[in-house]
């Protein structure tokens, strides 16, 4: 079962910067989920983040 955490919680628990998390979201490595309503927060699946950190994607060398 997925464990969803906010970006802030992910940075604190996993030691990854906000910029890195948003870059991974933009590149499609992580999926984001937004809560509905006024207090919209971005959430990510903590298990997905941990898997990404264990097996990072290989970036092409230019």
N, C-alpha and C. Protein backbone atom coordinates (compact mmCIF):
# COMPACT_ATOMS: atom_id res chain seq x y z
N UNK A 1 0.85 -1.18 0.00
CA UNK A 1 0.00 0.00 0.00
C UNK A 1 0.89 1.25 0.00
N UNK A 2 0.62 2.19 -0.89
CA UNK A 2 1.45 3.39 -0.98
C UNK A 2 1.40 4.21 0.31
N UNK A 3 2.53 4.80 0.64
CA UNK A 3 2.60 5.74 1.77
C UNK A 3 2.88 7.12 1.17
N UNK A 4 1.90 7.99 1.23
CA UNK A 4 2.04 9.31 0.64
C UNK A 4 2.53 10.30 1.70
N UNK A 5 3.51 11.10 1.31
CA UNK A 5 4.05 12.13 2.19
C UNK A 5 4.13 13.44 1.41
N UNK A 6 4.16 14.54 2.14
CA UNK A 6 4.33 15.84 1.49
C UNK A 6 5.79 15.99 1.05
N UNK A 7 6.02 16.97 0.22
CA UNK A 7 7.39 17.26 -0.23
C UNK A 7 8.27 17.56 0.99
N UNK A 8 7.75 18.34 1.92
CA UNK A 8 8.52 18.69 3.12
C UNK A 8 8.87 17.44 3.92
N UNK A 9 7.91 16.55 4.12
CA UNK A 9 8.18 15.32 4.86
C UNK A 9 9.22 14.46 4.14
N UNK A 10 9.13 14.41 2.82
CA UNK A 10 10.08 13.61 2.04
C UNK A 10 11.49 14.17 2.18
N UNK A 11 11.63 15.49 2.16
CA UNK A 11 12.97 16.08 2.31
C UNK A 11 13.55 15.77 3.68
N UNK A 12 12.71 15.82 4.71
CA UNK A 12 13.18 15.55 6.07
C UNK A 12 13.51 14.07 6.27
N UNK A 13 12.67 13.18 5.77
CA UNK A 13 12.86 11.75 6.00
C UNK A 13 13.95 11.14 5.13
N UNK A 14 14.08 11.62 3.91
CA UNK A 14 15.00 11.00 2.96
C UNK A 14 16.25 11.82 2.66
N UNK A 15 16.30 13.06 3.14
CA UNK A 15 17.49 13.88 2.92
C UNK A 15 17.70 14.31 1.48
N UNK A 16 16.59 14.46 0.75
CA UNK A 16 16.64 14.91 -0.65
C UNK A 16 16.11 16.34 -0.69
N UNK A 17 16.75 17.20 -1.46
CA UNK A 17 16.31 18.60 -1.51
C UNK A 17 14.99 18.74 -2.26
N UNK A 18 14.29 19.84 -1.97
CA UNK A 18 13.04 20.15 -2.67
C UNK A 18 13.29 20.26 -4.17
N UNK A 19 14.38 20.92 -4.52
CA UNK A 19 14.70 21.12 -5.94
C UNK A 19 14.87 19.77 -6.64
N UNK A 20 15.54 18.85 -5.99
CA UNK A 20 15.74 17.52 -6.58
C UNK A 20 14.42 16.80 -6.75
N UNK A 21 13.56 16.84 -5.72
CA UNK A 21 12.26 16.18 -5.82
C UNK A 21 11.44 16.75 -6.96
N UNK A 22 11.39 18.08 -7.08
CA UNK A 22 10.61 18.69 -8.16
C UNK A 22 11.22 18.40 -9.53
N UNK A 23 12.55 18.31 -9.61
CA UNK A 23 13.20 17.95 -10.87
C UNK A 23 12.83 16.52 -11.26
N UNK A 24 12.84 15.60 -10.30
CA UNK A 24 12.47 14.21 -10.57
C UNK A 24 11.01 14.11 -10.99
N UNK A 25 10.15 14.94 -10.39
CA UNK A 25 8.74 14.96 -10.80
C UNK A 25 8.64 15.46 -12.24
N UNK A 26 9.35 16.56 -12.54
CA UNK A 26 9.31 17.14 -13.88
C UNK A 26 9.82 16.16 -14.94
N UNK A 27 10.86 15.40 -14.60
CA UNK A 27 11.43 14.43 -15.54
C UNK A 27 10.62 13.14 -15.63
N UNK A 28 9.61 13.01 -14.78
CA UNK A 28 8.75 11.83 -14.82
C UNK A 28 9.24 10.66 -13.99
N UNK A 29 10.27 10.86 -13.18
CA UNK A 29 10.79 9.78 -12.33
C UNK A 29 9.87 9.52 -11.14
N UNK A 30 9.17 10.57 -10.68
CA UNK A 30 8.22 10.47 -9.57
C UNK A 30 6.88 11.02 -10.01
N UNK A 31 5.80 10.45 -9.47
CA UNK A 31 4.47 10.98 -9.72
C UNK A 31 4.06 11.82 -8.52
N UNK A 32 3.37 12.92 -8.78
CA UNK A 32 2.89 13.74 -7.68
C UNK A 32 1.37 13.65 -7.60
N UNK A 33 0.87 13.89 -6.41
CA UNK A 33 -0.56 13.89 -6.16
C UNK A 33 -0.89 15.15 -5.38
N UNK A 34 -1.95 15.84 -5.77
CA UNK A 34 -2.35 17.08 -5.10
C UNK A 34 -3.62 16.84 -4.31
N UNK A 35 -3.65 17.39 -3.09
CA UNK A 35 -4.87 17.29 -2.30
C UNK A 35 -5.88 18.30 -2.84
N UNK A 36 -7.16 17.97 -2.81
CA UNK A 36 -8.18 18.90 -3.32
C UNK A 36 -8.45 20.02 -2.32
N UNK A 37 -9.07 21.07 -2.82
CA UNK A 37 -9.52 22.14 -1.94
C UNK A 37 -8.53 23.27 -1.80
N UNK A 38 -8.77 24.10 -0.77
CA UNK A 38 -8.00 25.31 -0.55
C UNK A 38 -6.54 25.00 -0.19
N UNK A 39 -6.35 24.07 0.71
CA UNK A 39 -5.00 23.76 1.20
C UNK A 39 -4.38 22.67 0.33
N UNK A 40 -4.04 23.01 -0.90
CA UNK A 40 -3.52 22.02 -1.86
C UNK A 40 -2.04 21.77 -1.58
N UNK A 41 -1.72 20.54 -1.27
CA UNK A 41 -0.34 20.15 -1.03
C UNK A 41 0.06 19.07 -2.02
N UNK A 42 1.32 19.07 -2.36
CA UNK A 42 1.85 18.05 -3.25
C UNK A 42 2.33 16.87 -2.41
N UNK A 43 1.90 15.67 -2.79
CA UNK A 43 2.31 14.45 -2.11
C UNK A 43 3.00 13.53 -3.11
N UNK A 44 3.91 12.73 -2.59
CA UNK A 44 4.55 11.70 -3.41
C UNK A 44 4.52 10.39 -2.63
N UNK A 45 4.68 9.30 -3.35
CA UNK A 45 4.70 7.96 -2.75
C UNK A 45 6.11 7.74 -2.18
N UNK A 46 6.19 7.56 -0.87
CA UNK A 46 7.49 7.40 -0.21
C UNK A 46 8.21 6.14 -0.69
N UNK A 47 7.47 5.07 -0.93
CA UNK A 47 8.10 3.83 -1.42
C UNK A 47 8.72 4.05 -2.80
N UNK A 48 8.03 4.82 -3.65
CA UNK A 48 8.54 5.13 -4.99
C UNK A 48 9.83 5.94 -4.89
N UNK A 49 9.86 6.90 -3.98
CA UNK A 49 11.05 7.72 -3.77
C UNK A 49 12.22 6.86 -3.28
N UNK A 50 11.96 5.99 -2.33
CA UNK A 50 13.02 5.14 -1.81
C UNK A 50 13.57 4.21 -2.89
N UNK A 51 12.70 3.69 -3.73
CA UNK A 51 13.14 2.84 -4.84
C UNK A 51 13.99 3.64 -5.84
N UNK A 52 13.59 4.87 -6.11
CA UNK A 52 14.34 5.74 -7.02
C UNK A 52 15.73 6.02 -6.45
N UNK A 53 15.83 6.20 -5.15
CA UNK A 53 17.13 6.45 -4.53
C UNK A 53 18.02 5.22 -4.55
N UNK A 54 17.42 4.03 -4.42
CA UNK A 54 18.20 2.79 -4.49
C UNK A 54 18.68 2.51 -5.91
N UNK A 55 17.84 2.83 -6.89
CA UNK A 55 18.14 2.56 -8.30
C UNK A 55 17.95 3.82 -9.13
N UNK A 56 18.86 4.78 -9.01
CA UNK A 56 18.69 6.04 -9.75
C UNK A 56 18.78 5.82 -11.26
N UNK A 57 18.03 6.61 -12.03
CA UNK A 57 18.10 6.50 -13.49
C UNK A 57 19.46 7.00 -13.98
N UNK A 58 19.91 6.40 -15.04
CA UNK A 58 21.19 6.81 -15.62
C UNK A 58 20.94 7.94 -16.61
N UNK A 59 21.61 9.04 -16.40
CA UNK A 59 21.50 10.19 -17.29
C UNK A 59 22.52 10.05 -18.42
N UNK A 60 22.13 10.38 -19.64
CA UNK A 60 23.10 10.28 -20.75
C UNK A 60 24.23 11.29 -20.59
N UNK A 61 25.42 10.90 -20.98
CA UNK A 61 26.57 11.80 -20.96
C UNK A 61 26.63 12.53 -22.28
N UNK A 62 26.76 13.84 -22.21
CA UNK A 62 26.78 14.64 -23.44
C UNK A 62 28.18 15.00 -23.83
